[in-house]
Amino acid sequence: QTVESRFEDTRVHVYYQPVGVVAALSPWNF
């Protein structure tokens, strides 16, 4: 997405990218 910056005449571009391996814990009850 492109969002307005707090600085005049500036836009911020947001790019979603994978961050790497996820270690997930799953409790016993669900």
PDB file of all heavy atoms in Angstrom:
ATOM      1  N   GLN A   1       0.844  -1.191   0.000  1.00  0.00           N
ATOM      2  CA  GLN A   1       0.000   0.000   0.000  1.00  0.00           C
ATOM      3  C   GLN A   1       0.878   1.239   0.000  1.00  0.00           C
ATOM      4  O   GLN A   1       2.050   1.184   0.369  1.00  0.00           O
ATOM      5  CB  GLN A   1      -0.944  -0.003   1.198  1.00  0.00           C
ATOM      6  CG  GLN A   1      -0.245  -0.082   2.533  1.00  0.00           C
ATOM      7  CD  GLN A   1      -1.216  -0.164   3.691  1.00  0.00           C
ATOM      8  OE1 GLN A   1      -2.251   0.463   3.673  1.00  0.00           O
ATOM      9  NE2 GLN A   1      -0.868  -0.948   4.695  1.00  0.00           N
ATOM     10  N   THR A   2       0.301   2.315  -0.438  1.00  0.00           N
ATOM     11  CA  THR A   2       0.989   3.600  -0.408  1.00  0.00           C
ATOM     12  C   THR A   2       0.233   4.490   0.556  1.00  0.00           C
ATOM     13  O   THR A   2      -0.989   4.619   0.469  1.00  0.00           O
ATOM     14  CB  THR A   2       1.012   4.235  -1.814  1.00  0.00           C
ATOM     15  OG1 THR A   2       1.658   3.319  -2.705  1.00  0.00           O
ATOM     16  CG2 THR A   2       1.747   5.559  -1.799  1.00  0.00           C
ATOM     17  N   VAL A   3       0.958   5.072   1.497  1.00  0.00           N
ATOM     18  CA  VAL A   3       0.328   5.930   2.504  1.00  0.00           C
ATOM     19  C   VAL A   3       1.038   7.285   2.539  1.00  0.00           C
ATOM     20  O   VAL A   3       2.193   7.418   2.133  1.00  0.00           O
ATOM     21  CB  VAL A   3       0.357   5.272   3.905  1.00  0.00           C
ATOM     22  CG1 VAL A   3      -0.493   4.010   3.927  1.00  0.00           C
ATOM     23  CG2 VAL A   3       1.771   4.955   4.340  1.00  0.00           C
ATOM     24  N   GLU A   4       0.329   8.264   3.025  1.00  0.00           N
ATOM     25  CA  GLU A   4       0.898   9.601   3.173  1.00  0.00           C
ATOM     26  C   GLU A   4       1.947   9.592   4.278  1.00  0.00           C
ATOM     27  O   GLU A   4       1.794   8.926   5.289  1.00  0.00           O
ATOM     28  CB  GLU A   4      -0.196  10.606   3.524  1.00  0.00           C
ATOM     29  CG  GLU A   4      -1.226  10.818   2.426  1.00  0.00           C
ATOM     30  CD  GLU A   4      -0.645  11.496   1.197  1.00  0.00           C
ATOM     31  OE1 GLU A   4       0.246  12.350   1.341  1.00  0.00           O
ATOM     32  OE2 GLU A   4      -1.089  11.149   0.081  1.00  0.00           O
ATOM     33  N   SER A   5       2.981  10.341   4.084  1.00  0.00           N
ATOM     34  CA  SER A   5       4.010  10.493   5.091  1.00  0.00           C
ATOM     35  C   SER A   5       3.727  11.740   5.916  1.00  0.00           C
ATOM     36  O   SER A   5       2.927  12.590   5.521  1.00  0.00           O
ATOM     37  CB  SER A   5       5.376  10.631   4.406  1.00  0.00           C
ATOM     38  OG  SER A   5       6.353  11.051   5.328  1.00  0.00           O
ATOM     39  N   ARG A   6       4.389  11.867   7.004  1.00  0.00           N
ATOM     40  CA  ARG A   6       4.244  13.092   7.783  1.00  0.00           C
ATOM     41  C   ARG A   6       5.046  14.225   7.155  1.00  0.00           C
ATOM     42  O   ARG A   6       4.908  15.377   7.548  1.00  0.00           O
ATOM     43  CB  ARG A   6       4.651  12.860   9.229  1.00  0.00           C
ATOM     44  CG  ARG A   6       6.090  12.500   9.429  1.00  0.00           C
ATOM     45  CD  ARG A   6       6.366  12.173  10.877  1.00  0.00           C
ATOM     46  NE  ARG A   6       7.755  11.816  11.031  1.00  0.00           N
ATOM     47  CZ  ARG A   6       8.505  12.192  12.036  1.00  0.00           C
ATOM     48  NH1 ARG A   6       7.990  12.909  13.002  1.00  0.00           N
ATOM     49  NH2 ARG A   6       9.760  11.837  12.091  1.00  0.00           N
ATOM     50  N   PHE A   7       5.889  13.879   6.176  1.00  0.00           N
ATOM     51  CA  PHE A   7       6.676  14.894   5.486  1.00  0.00           C
ATOM     52  C   PHE A   7       5.974  15.321   4.198  1.00  0.00           C
ATOM     53  O   PHE A   7       5.448  14.483   3.463  1.00  0.00           O
ATOM     54  CB  PHE A   7       8.080  14.361   5.167  1.00  0.00           C
ATOM     55  CG  PHE A   7       8.829  13.912   6.396  1.00  0.00           C
ATOM     56  CD1 PHE A   7       9.056  12.567   6.639  1.00  0.00           C
ATOM     57  CD2 PHE A   7       9.291  14.838   7.324  1.00  0.00           C
ATOM     58  CE1 PHE A   7       9.737  12.143   7.765  1.00  0.00           C
ATOM     59  CE2 PHE A   7       9.971  14.429   8.461  1.00  0.00           C
ATOM     60  CZ  PHE A   7      10.188  13.083   8.683  1.00  0.00           C
ATOM     61  N   GLU A   8       5.978  16.576   3.923  1.00  0.00           N
ATOM     62  CA  GLU A   8       5.318  17.125   2.743  1.00  0.00           C
ATOM     63  C   GLU A   8       5.911  16.525   1.463  1.00  0.00           C
ATOM     64  O   GLU A   8       7.108  16.294   1.372  1.00  0.00           O
ATOM     65  CB  GLU A   8       5.486  18.651   2.739  1.00  0.00           C
ATOM     66  CG  GLU A   8       4.638  19.343   1.693  1.00  0.00           C
ATOM     67  CD  GLU A   8       4.723  20.852   1.816  1.00  0.00           C
ATOM     68  OE1 GLU A   8       4.845  21.370   2.940  1.00  0.00           O
ATOM     69  OE2 GLU A   8       4.679  21.493   0.771  1.00  0.00           O
ATOM     70  N   ASP A   9       5.049  16.267   0.490  1.00  0.00           N
ATOM     71  CA  ASP A   9       5.447  15.723  -0.817  1.00  0.00           C
ATOM     72  C   ASP A   9       6.169  14.381  -0.716  1.00  0.00           C
ATOM     73  O   ASP A   9       7.059  14.081  -1.520  1.00  0.00           O
ATOM     74  CB  ASP A   9       6.334  16.730  -1.567  1.00  0.00           C
ATOM     75  CG  ASP A   9       5.596  18.025  -1.867  1.00  0.00           C
ATOM     76  OD1 ASP A   9       4.373  17.962  -2.134  1.00  0.00           O
ATOM     77  OD2 ASP A   9       6.234  19.092  -1.802  1.00  0.00           O
ATOM     78  N   THR A  10       5.833  13.599   0.280  1.00  0.00           N
ATOM     79  CA  THR A  10       6.469  12.290   0.471  1.00  0.00           C
ATOM     80  C   THR A  10       5.395  11.233   0.678  1.00  0.00           C
ATOM     81  O   THR A  10       4.413  11.462   1.375  1.00  0.00           O
ATOM     82  CB  THR A  10       7.405  12.318   1.698  1.00  0.00           C
ATOM     83  OG1 THR A  10       8.348  13.370   1.535  1.00  0.00           O
ATOM     84  CG2 THR A  10       8.127  11.001   1.859  1.00  0.00           C
ATOM     85  N   ARG A  11       5.600  10.113   0.049  1.00  0.00           N
ATOM     86  CA  ARG A  11       4.711   8.980   0.226  1.00  0.00           C
ATOM     87  C   ARG A  11       5.536   7.794   0.750  1.00  0.00           C
ATOM     88  O   ARG A  11       6.720   7.672   0.468  1.00  0.00           O
ATOM     89  CB  ARG A  11       4.060   8.571  -1.091  1.00  0.00           C
ATOM     90  CG  ARG A  11       3.269   9.680  -1.768  1.00  0.00           C
ATOM     91  CD  ARG A  11       1.852   9.273  -1.964  1.00  0.00           C
ATOM     92  NE  ARG A  11       0.988  10.142  -2.714  1.00  0.00           N
ATOM     93  CZ  ARG A  11       0.851  11.443  -2.619  1.00  0.00           C
ATOM     94  NH1 ARG A  11       1.599  12.117  -1.818  1.00  0.00           N
ATOM     95  NH2 ARG A  11      -0.022  12.108  -3.318  1.00  0.00           N
ATOM     96  N   VAL A  12       4.892   6.928   1.487  1.00  0.00           N
ATOM     97  CA  VAL A  12       5.548   5.739   2.024  1.00  0.00           C
ATOM     98  C   VAL A  12       4.939   4.526   1.318  1.00  0.00           C
ATOM     99  O   VAL A  12       3.719   4.387   1.251  1.00  0.00           O
ATOM    100  CB  VAL A  12       5.327   5.625   3.556  1.00  0.00           C
ATOM    101  CG1 VAL A  12       5.910   4.334   4.088  1.00  0.00           C
ATOM    102  CG2 VAL A  12       5.910   6.836   4.258  1.00  0.00           C
ATOM    103  N   HIS A  13       5.797   3.669   0.793  1.00  0.00           N
ATOM    104  CA  HIS A  13       5.343   2.436   0.142  1.00  0.00           C
ATOM    105  C   HIS A  13       5.599   1.270   1.092  1.00  0.00           C
ATOM    106  O   HIS A  13       6.704   1.096   1.598  1.00  0.00           O
ATOM    107  CB  HIS A  13       6.091   2.205  -1.174  1.00  0.00           C
ATOM    108  CG  HIS A  13       5.838   3.276  -2.181  1.00  0.00           C
ATOM    109  ND1 HIS A  13       4.690   3.335  -2.929  1.00  0.00           N
ATOM    110  CD2 HIS A  13       6.576   4.350  -2.529  1.00  0.00           C
ATOM    111  CE1 HIS A  13       4.734   4.394  -3.711  1.00  0.00           C
ATOM    112  NE2 HIS A  13       5.878   5.038  -3.494  1.00  0.00           N
ATOM    113  N   VAL A  14       4.551   0.500   1.335  1.00  0.00           N
ATOM    114  CA  VAL A  14       4.637  -0.660   2.225  1.00  0.00           C
ATOM    115  C   VAL A  14       4.582  -1.915   1.361  1.00  0.00           C
ATOM    116  O   VAL A  14       3.671  -2.073   0.547  1.00  0.00           O
ATOM    117  CB  VAL A  14       3.477  -0.662   3.246  1.00  0.00           C
ATOM    118  CG1 VAL A  14       3.546  -1.899   4.133  1.00  0.00           C
ATOM    119  CG2 VAL A  14       3.481   0.613   4.068  1.00  0.00           C
ATOM    120  N   TYR A  15       5.568  -2.791   1.546  1.00  0.00           N
ATOM    121  CA  TYR A  15       5.617  -4.051   0.829  1.00  0.00           C
ATOM    122  C   TYR A  15       5.590  -5.178   1.855  1.00  0.00           C
ATOM    123  O   TYR A  15       6.390  -5.186   2.788  1.00  0.00           O
ATOM    124  CB  TYR A  15       6.900  -4.170  -0.002  1.00  0.00           C
ATOM    125  CG  TYR A  15       7.031  -3.088  -1.040  1.00  0.00           C
ATOM    126  CD1 TYR A  15       7.772  -1.942  -0.771  1.00  0.00           C
ATOM    127  CD2 TYR A  15       6.398  -3.206  -2.269  1.00  0.00           C
ATOM    128  CE1 TYR A  15       7.889  -0.940  -1.712  1.00  0.00           C
ATOM    129  CE2 TYR A  15       6.504  -2.207  -3.218  1.00  0.00           C
ATOM    130  CZ  TYR A  15       7.254  -1.073  -2.941  1.00  0.00           C
ATOM    131  OH  TYR A  15       7.358  -0.087  -3.872  1.00  0.00           O
ATOM    132  N   TYR A  16       4.673  -6.115   1.668  1.00  0.00           N
ATOM    133  CA  TYR A  16       4.597  -7.255   2.576  1.00  0.00           C
ATOM    134  C   TYR A  16       5.452  -8.383   2.024  1.00  0.00           C
ATOM    135  O   TYR A  16       5.301  -8.786   0.878  1.00  0.00           O
ATOM    136  CB  TYR A  16       3.149  -7.705   2.746  1.00  0.00           C
ATOM    137  CG  TYR A  16       2.311  -6.668   3.449  1.00  0.00           C
ATOM    138  CD1 TYR A  16       1.451  -5.837   2.745  1.00  0.00           C
ATOM    139  CD2 TYR A  16       2.423  -6.494   4.817  1.00  0.00           C
ATOM    140  CE1 TYR A  16       0.705  -4.874   3.399  1.00  0.00           C
ATOM    141  CE2 TYR A  16       1.683  -5.535   5.482  1.00  0.00           C
ATOM    142  CZ  TYR A  16       0.823  -4.730   4.755  1.00  0.00           C
ATOM    143  OH  TYR A  16       0.101  -3.769   5.404  1.00  0.00           O
ATOM    144  N   GLN A  17       6.373  -8.871   2.852  1.00  0.00           N
ATOM    145  CA  GLN A  17       7.275  -9.929   2.447  1.00  0.00           C
ATOM    146  C   GLN A  17       7.400 -10.951   3.575  1.00  0.00           C
ATOM    147  O   GLN A  17       7.315 -10.592   4.751  1.00  0.00           O
ATOM    148  CB  GLN A  17       8.664  -9.354   2.153  1.00  0.00           C
ATOM    149  CG  GLN A  17       8.673  -8.343   1.042  1.00  0.00           C
ATOM    150  CD  GLN A  17      10.040  -7.693   0.874  1.00  0.00           C
ATOM    151  OE1 GLN A  17      10.865  -7.719   1.779  1.00  0.00           O
ATOM    152  NE2 GLN A  17      10.269  -7.114  -0.286  1.00  0.00           N
ATOM    153  N   PRO A  18       7.626 -12.218   3.212  1.00  0.00           N
ATOM    154  CA  PRO A  18       7.841 -13.234   4.248  1.00  0.00           C
ATOM    155  C   PRO A  18       9.045 -12.866   5.109  1.00  0.00           C
ATOM    156  O   PRO A  18      10.034 -12.340   4.606  1.00  0.00           O
ATOM    157  CB  PRO A  18       8.122 -14.504   3.445  1.00  0.00           C
ATOM    158  CG  PRO A  18       7.565 -14.242   2.083  1.00  0.00           C
ATOM    159  CD  PRO A  18       7.692 -12.768   1.862  1.00  0.00           C
ATOM    160  N   VAL A  19       8.941 -13.148   6.410  1.00  0.00           N
ATOM    161  CA  VAL A  19      10.026 -12.794   7.329  1.00  0.00           C
ATOM    162  C   VAL A  19      10.940 -13.970   7.640  1.00  0.00           C
ATOM    163  O   VAL A  19      12.016 -13.784   8.175  1.00  0.00           O
ATOM    164  CB  VAL A  19       9.481 -12.194   8.652  1.00  0.00           C
ATOM    165  CG1 VAL A  19       8.783 -10.886   8.389  1.00  0.00           C
ATOM    166  CG2 VAL A  19       8.573 -13.175   9.358  1.00  0.00           C
ATOM    167  N   GLY A  20      10.524 -15.184   7.343  1.00  0.00           N
ATOM    168  CA  GLY A  20      11.365 -16.347   7.625  1.00  0.00           C
ATOM    169  C   GLY A  20      10.604 -17.446   8.321  1.00  0.00           C
ATOM    170  O   GLY A  20       9.373 -17.472   8.319  1.00  0.00           O
ATOM    171  N   VAL A  21      11.336 -18.350   8.919  1.00  0.00           N
ATOM    172  CA  VAL A  21      10.756 -19.520   9.588  1.00  0.00           C
ATOM    173  C   VAL A  21       9.972 -19.077  10.827  1.00  0.00           C
ATOM    174  O   VAL A  21      10.442 -18.255  11.605  1.00  0.00           O
ATOM    175  CB  VAL A  21      11.861 -20.513   9.993  1.00  0.00           C
ATOM    176  CG1 VAL A  21      11.277 -21.686  10.768  1.00  0.00           C
ATOM    177  CG2 VAL A  21      12.618 -20.994   8.766  1.00  0.00           C
ATOM    178  N   VAL A  22       8.792 -19.645  10.989  1.00  0.00           N
ATOM    179  CA  VAL A  22       7.958 -19.383  12.160  1.00  0.00           C
ATOM    180  C   VAL A  22       8.000 -20.613  13.063  1.00  0.00           C
ATOM    181  O   VAL A  22       7.775 -21.730  12.604  1.00  0.00           O
ATOM    182  CB  VAL A  22       6.495 -19.091  11.738  1.00  0.00           C
ATOM    183  CG1 VAL A  22       5.581 -19.013  12.942  1.00  0.00           C
ATOM    184  CG2 VAL A  22       6.420 -17.819  10.905  1.00  0.00           C
ATOM    185  N   ALA A  23       8.315 -20.411  14.323  1.00  0.00           N
ATOM    186  CA  ALA A  23       8.228 -21.483  15.318  1.00  0.00           C
ATOM    187  C   ALA A  23       6.916 -21.279  16.063  1.00  0.00           C
ATOM    188  O   ALA A  23       6.691 -20.230  16.657  1.00  0.00           O
ATOM    189  CB  ALA A  23       9.399 -21.426  16.289  1.00  0.00           C
ATOM    190  N   ALA A  24       6.026 -22.248  15.971  1.00  0.00           N
ATOM    191  CA  ALA A  24       4.699 -22.133  16.565  1.00  0.00           C
ATOM    192  C   ALA A  24       4.505 -23.198  17.639  1.00  0.00           C
ATOM    193  O   ALA A  24       4.893 -24.343  17.454  1.00  0.00           O
ATOM    194  CB  ALA A  24       3.627 -22.276  15.485  1.00  0.00           C
ATOM    195  N   LEU A  25       3.921 -22.795  18.738  1.00  0.00           N
ATOM    196  CA  LEU A  25       3.617 -23.720  19.827  1.00  0.00           C
ATOM    197  C   LEU A  25       2.119 -23.986  19.851  1.00  0.00           C
ATOM    198  O   LEU A  25       1.318 -23.067  19.744  1.00  0.00           O
ATOM    199  CB  LEU A  25       4.049 -23.129  21.168  1.00  0.00           C
ATOM    200  CG  LEU A  25       5.530 -22.813  21.309  1.00  0.00           C
ATOM    201  CD1 LEU A  25       5.802 -22.147  22.650  1.00  0.00           C
ATOM    202  CD2 LEU A  25       6.378 -24.059  21.146  1.00  0.00           C
ATOM    203  N   SER A  26       1.768 -25.232  20.010  1.00  0.00           N
ATOM    204  CA  SER A  26       0.369 -25.611  20.078  1.00  0.00           C
ATOM    205  C   SER A  26       0.088 -26.245  21.434  1.00  0.00           C
ATOM    206  O   SER A  26       0.665 -27.272  21.762  1.00  0.00           O
ATOM    207  CB  SER A  26       0.040 -26.606  18.971  1.00  0.00           C
ATOM    208  OG  SER A  26      -1.306 -27.012  19.074  1.00  0.00           O
ATOM    209  N   PRO A  27      -0.788 -25.640  22.230  1.00  0.00           N
ATOM    210  CA  PRO A  27      -1.087 -26.235  23.533  1.00  0.00           C
ATOM    211  C   PRO A  27      -1.900 -27.525  23.388  1.00  0.00           C
ATOM    212  O   PRO A  27      -2.483 -27.792  22.353  1.00  0.00           O
ATOM    213  CB  PRO A  27      -1.880 -25.141  24.244  1.00  0.00           C
ATOM    214  CG  PRO A  27      -2.455 -24.316  23.161  1.00  0.00           C
ATOM    215  CD  PRO A  27      -1.509 -24.398  22.004  1.00  0.00           C
ATOM    216  N   TRP A  28      -1.943 -28.273  24.445  1.00  0.00           N
ATOM    217  CA  TRP A  28      -2.565 -29.600  24.418  1.00  0.00           C
ATOM    218  C   TRP A  28      -4.076 -29.570  24.323  1.00  0.00           C
ATOM    219  O   TRP A  28      -4.689 -30.503  23.819  1.00  0.00           O
ATOM    220  CB  TRP A  28      -2.157 -30.386  25.668  1.00  0.00           C
ATOM    221  CG  TRP A  28      -2.723 -29.807  26.940  1.00  0.00           C
ATOM    222  CD1 TRP A  28      -2.187 -28.814  27.696  1.00  0.00           C
ATOM    223  CD2 TRP A  28      -3.958 -30.154  27.555  1.00  0.00           C
ATOM    224  NE1 TRP A  28      -3.001 -28.529  28.763  1.00  0.00           N
ATOM    225  CE2 TRP A  28      -4.115 -29.338  28.692  1.00  0.00           C
ATOM    226  CE3 TRP A  28      -4.957 -31.082  27.267  1.00  0.00           C
ATOM    227  CZ2 TRP A  28      -5.212 -29.415  29.532  1.00  0.00           C
ATOM    228  CZ3 TRP A  28      -6.052 -31.164  28.105  1.00  0.00           C
ATOM    229  CH2 TRP A  28      -6.171 -30.330  29.223  1.00  0.00           C
ATOM    230  N   ASN A  29      -4.739 -28.509  24.778  1.00  0.00           N
ATOM    231  CA  ASN A  29      -6.195 -28.560  24.922  1.00  0.00           C
ATOM    232  C   ASN A  29      -6.982 -28.236  23.649  1.00  0.00           C
ATOM    233  O   ASN A  29      -8.124 -28.643  23.525  1.00  0.00           O
ATOM    234  CB  ASN A  29      -6.654 -27.669  26.076  1.00  0.00           C
ATOM    235  CG  ASN A  29      -6.177 -26.240  25.938  1.00  0.00           C
ATOM    236  OD1 ASN A  29      -5.261 -25.949  25.174  1.00  0.00           O
ATOM    237  ND2 ASN A  29      -6.785 -25.346  26.682  1.00  0.00           N
ATOM    238  N   PHE A  30      -6.408 -27.509  22.698  1.00  0.00           N
ATOM    239  CA  PHE A  30      -7.064 -27.228  21.424  1.00  0.00           C
ATOM    240  C   PHE A  30      -6.034 -27.340  20.297  1.00  0.00           C
ATOM    241  O   PHE A  30      -5.753 -26.363  19.602  1.00  0.00           O
ATOM    242  CB  PHE A  30      -7.713 -25.835  21.421  1.00  0.00           C
ATOM    243  CG  PHE A  30      -8.948 -25.751  22.248  1.00  0.00           C
ATOM    244  CD1 PHE A  30      -8.892 -25.293  23.556  1.00  0.00           C
ATOM    245  CD2 PHE A  30     -10.177 -26.150  21.741  1.00  0.00           C
ATOM    246  CE1 PHE A  30     -10.024 -25.232  24.341  1.00  0.00           C
ATOM    247  CE2 PHE A  30     -11.314 -26.095  22.519  1.00  0.00           C
ATOM    248  CZ  PHE A  30     -11.247 -25.635  23.824  1.00  0.00           C
TER     249      PHE A  30
END
